[in-house]
């Protein structure tokens, strides 16, 4: 995406990313320059109904802001354009905190759904699902405390707990997993593990979840892209005398 932006942006142009996770803003800044990137987060969800057709399953607020916290004409203009297109857009002087707040939510929900096949609200139906989610959050909140990041939600754990009991959308990572696409785990829990390591911390639950997602993702992609495996033949071969 950054390479394409380099080719098509005019000298006064800028880019904004609404991707989940952390690190994508910094990557764009390295490629385009710090002053040519805005931060953004969108609380929308959708599902693919068939090729070329998607269904909007949840519409909520989209946040945009300058990464230095200042107000700017370009941010206001972009917000106006998106609002006129039917989106609910808010400008913020804390876009970094907004990005990290959704990062916590995504880390606590998306990979658990991708690994188990649960929808968001089904995590809360399982006591062990809630327990595992709590372990993931304990580590993520430890990271925020170490980095002195204040979420925009004053009780983010309670908010996530509520989502995990009443919202039944299918997170993007679960959809990617089912369709044999690479997941964004390295920008979510994997990024949390790397950030923790840089601070001398160890996050075993997030590390294990990252490895399990990658293992499952590899298997699904392999099953979809390669000829079907004859497991009965393999089982018979394993049982035959040598």
Foldseek 3Di string as FASTA:
>chain_A
DLVVCVVPADPPAAEEDQDAFPDPQVVNCVSPNLQRYKYKHADWDWAAPDVPDIGTDDADEIEIERPQLDDDPVRVVVQVVVVVVPHHYDYGSPRVLARLLVLLLCLLAQLVCQLPVAFQQVLLVDPVSLVLSVLSNVLSVVLCVVVVRDHPDPCSVVVSSVSNNPPGGRDPQNNCQQVLHDGPLCRHLVVSQVSQVVVVHHRVSSVVSSVSSVVSSVVSNCCVPDDHDPVVVVVVVVPDDD
